[in-house]
Amino acid sequence: MSNFTEQDLFELKEDVEEAKQKVSELKGERQALMKQLKEEWGCVTVEQANEKIKEMESEISTFSEDIETGMEQLEDKLEK
């Protein structure tokens, strides 16, 4: 059996209370971020947000290709 002093037990209790407080804060932050994710991007889960990111990256890639093609066509017209 461990021989904890009263001070040891008091410190453990403080550590537990601090951990509970931190968990509570993190839960609140998570709720706020999930609410923001839903309101701004229409995503209810992190998985939906990741899928949205993939879709947006694909759109950006397509737009970049379109811009590059347009720039090349413009350069060709200016060279003629």
C-alpha atoms as a PDB file:
ATOM      1  CA  MET A   1       0.000   0.000   0.000  1.00  0.00           C
ATOM      2  CA  SER A   2       1.288   3.481  -0.858  1.00  0.00           C
ATOM      3  CA  ASN A   3       1.868   5.927   1.902  1.00  0.00           C
ATOM      4  CA  PHE A   4       0.464   9.190   0.651  1.00  0.00           C
ATOM      5  CA  THR A   5       0.768  12.186   2.860  1.00  0.00           C
ATOM      6  CA  GLU A   6      -2.028  14.624   3.268  1.00  0.00           C
ATOM      7  CA  GLN A   7      -0.036  17.064   1.122  1.00  0.00           C
ATOM      8  CA  ASP A   8       0.364  14.420  -1.633  1.00  0.00           C
ATOM      9  CA  LEU A   9      -3.370  13.814  -1.673  1.00  0.00           C
ATOM     10  CA  PHE A  10      -4.095  17.537  -1.712  1.00  0.00           C
ATOM     11  CA  GLU A  11      -1.732  18.016  -4.686  1.00  0.00           C
ATOM     12  CA  LEU A  12      -3.309  15.091  -6.524  1.00  0.00           C
ATOM     13  CA  LYS A  13      -6.737  16.575  -5.912  1.00  0.00           C
ATOM     14  CA  GLU A  14      -5.554  19.922  -7.323  1.00  0.00           C
ATOM     15  CA  ASP A  15      -4.110  18.160 -10.383  1.00  0.00           C
ATOM     16  CA  VAL A  16      -7.387  16.357 -10.976  1.00  0.00           C
ATOM     17  CA  GLU A  17      -9.364  19.593 -10.633  1.00  0.00           C
ATOM     18  CA  GLU A  18      -7.027  21.364 -13.085  1.00  0.00           C
ATOM     19  CA  ALA A  19      -7.400  18.502 -15.553  1.00  0.00           C
ATOM     20  CA  LYS A  20     -11.202  18.636 -15.247  1.00  0.00           C
ATOM     21  CA  GLN A  21     -11.111  22.393 -15.875  1.00  0.00           C
ATOM     22  CA  LYS A  22      -8.896  21.948 -18.942  1.00  0.00           C
ATOM     23  CA  VAL A  23     -11.193  19.242 -20.333  1.00  0.00           C
ATOM     24  CA  SER A  24     -14.163  21.531 -19.830  1.00  0.00           C
ATOM     25  CA  GLU A  25     -12.392  24.395 -21.617  1.00  0.00           C
ATOM     26  CA  LEU A  26     -11.396  22.147 -24.521  1.00  0.00           C
ATOM     27  CA  LYS A  27     -14.961  20.861 -24.872  1.00  0.00           C
ATOM     28  CA  GLY A  28     -16.199  24.447 -25.025  1.00  0.00           C
ATOM     29  CA  GLU A  29     -13.624  25.352 -27.648  1.00  0.00           C
ATOM     30  CA  ARG A  30     -14.534  22.289 -29.679  1.00  0.00           C
ATOM     31  CA  GLN A  31     -18.229  23.183 -29.554  1.00  0.00           C
ATOM     32  CA  ALA A  32     -17.468  26.731 -30.681  1.00  0.00           C
ATOM     33  CA  LEU A  33     -15.303  25.517 -33.554  1.00  0.00           C
ATOM     34  CA  MET A  34     -17.895  22.973 -34.658  1.00  0.00           C
ATOM     35  CA  LYS A  35     -20.563  25.678 -34.607  1.00  0.00           C
ATOM     36  CA  GLN A  36     -18.349  27.932 -36.721  1.00  0.00           C
ATOM     37  CA  LEU A  37     -17.639  25.052 -39.115  1.00  0.00           C
ATOM     38  CA  LYS A  38     -21.362  24.491 -39.550  1.00  0.00           C
ATOM     39  CA  GLU A  39     -22.291  28.151 -39.929  1.00  0.00           C
ATOM     40  CA  GLU A  40     -19.492  29.149 -42.295  1.00  0.00           C
ATOM     41  CA  TRP A  41     -19.029  25.997 -44.346  1.00  0.00           C
ATOM     42  CA  GLY A  42     -22.166  23.914 -43.833  1.00  0.00           C
ATOM     43  CA  CYS A  43     -20.192  21.017 -42.360  1.00  0.00           C
ATOM     44  CA  VAL A  44     -21.513  19.117 -39.366  1.00  0.00           C
ATOM     45  CA  THR A  45     -18.534  16.799 -38.936  1.00  0.00           C
ATOM     46  CA  VAL A  46     -14.782  17.040 -39.335  1.00  0.00           C
ATOM     47  CA  GLU A  47     -15.031  14.394 -42.043  1.00  0.00           C
ATOM     48  CA  GLN A  48     -17.389  16.639 -44.017  1.00  0.00           C
ATOM     49  CA  ALA A  49     -14.939  19.514 -43.582  1.00  0.00           C
ATOM     50  CA  ASN A  50     -12.092  17.371 -44.908  1.00  0.00           C
ATOM     51  CA  GLU A  51     -14.206  16.429 -47.909  1.00  0.00           C
ATOM     52  CA  LYS A  52     -15.037  20.094 -48.462  1.00  0.00           C
ATOM     53  CA  ILE A  53     -11.322  20.902 -48.390  1.00  0.00           C
ATOM     54  CA  LYS A  54     -10.646  18.253 -51.049  1.00  0.00           C
ATOM     55  CA  GLU A  55     -13.413  19.684 -53.234  1.00  0.00           C
ATOM     56  CA  MET A  56     -12.085  23.210 -52.852  1.00  0.00           C
ATOM     57  CA  GLU A  57      -8.518  22.110 -53.608  1.00  0.00           C
ATOM     58  CA  SER A  58      -9.793  20.450 -56.779  1.00  0.00           C
ATOM     59  CA  GLU A  59     -11.625  23.632 -57.784  1.00  0.00           C
ATOM     60  CA  ILE A  60      -8.516  25.704 -57.126  1.00  0.00           C
ATOM     61  CA  SER A  61      -6.477  23.336 -59.264  1.00  0.00           C
ATOM     62  CA  THR A  62      -9.007  23.620 -62.093  1.00  0.00           C
ATOM     63  CA  PHE A  63      -9.070  27.420 -61.837  1.00  0.00           C
ATOM     64  CA  SER A  64      -5.274  27.530 -61.849  1.00  0.00           C
ATOM     65  CA  GLU A  65      -5.166  25.405 -64.986  1.00  0.00           C
ATOM     66  CA  ASP A  66      -7.789  27.624 -66.636  1.00  0.00           C
ATOM     67  CA  ILE A  67      -5.802  30.735 -65.768  1.00  0.00           C
ATOM     68  CA  GLU A  68      -2.578  29.189 -67.074  1.00  0.00           C
ATOM     69  CA  THR A  69      -4.288  28.202 -70.332  1.00  0.00           C
ATOM     70  CA  GLY A  70      -5.770  31.676 -70.677  1.00  0.00           C
ATOM     71  CA  MET A  71      -2.375  33.277 -70.055  1.00  0.00           C
ATOM     72  CA  GLU A  72      -0.775  31.072 -72.715  1.00  0.00           C
ATOM     73  CA  GLN A  73      -3.503  31.932 -75.234  1.00  0.00           C
ATOM     74  CA  LEU A  74      -3.103  35.620 -74.474  1.00  0.00           C
ATOM     75  CA  GLU A  75       0.662  35.415 -74.900  1.00  0.00           C
ATOM     76  CA  ASP A  76       0.180  33.635 -78.238  1.00  0.00           C
ATOM     77  CA  LYS A  77      -2.186  36.379 -79.447  1.00  0.00           C
ATOM     78  CA  LEU A  78       0.198  39.112 -78.341  1.00  0.00           C
ATOM     79  CA  GLU A  79       3.118  37.455 -80.144  1.00  0.00           C
ATOM     80  CA  LYS A  80       1.236  37.376 -83.486  1.00  0.00           C
END
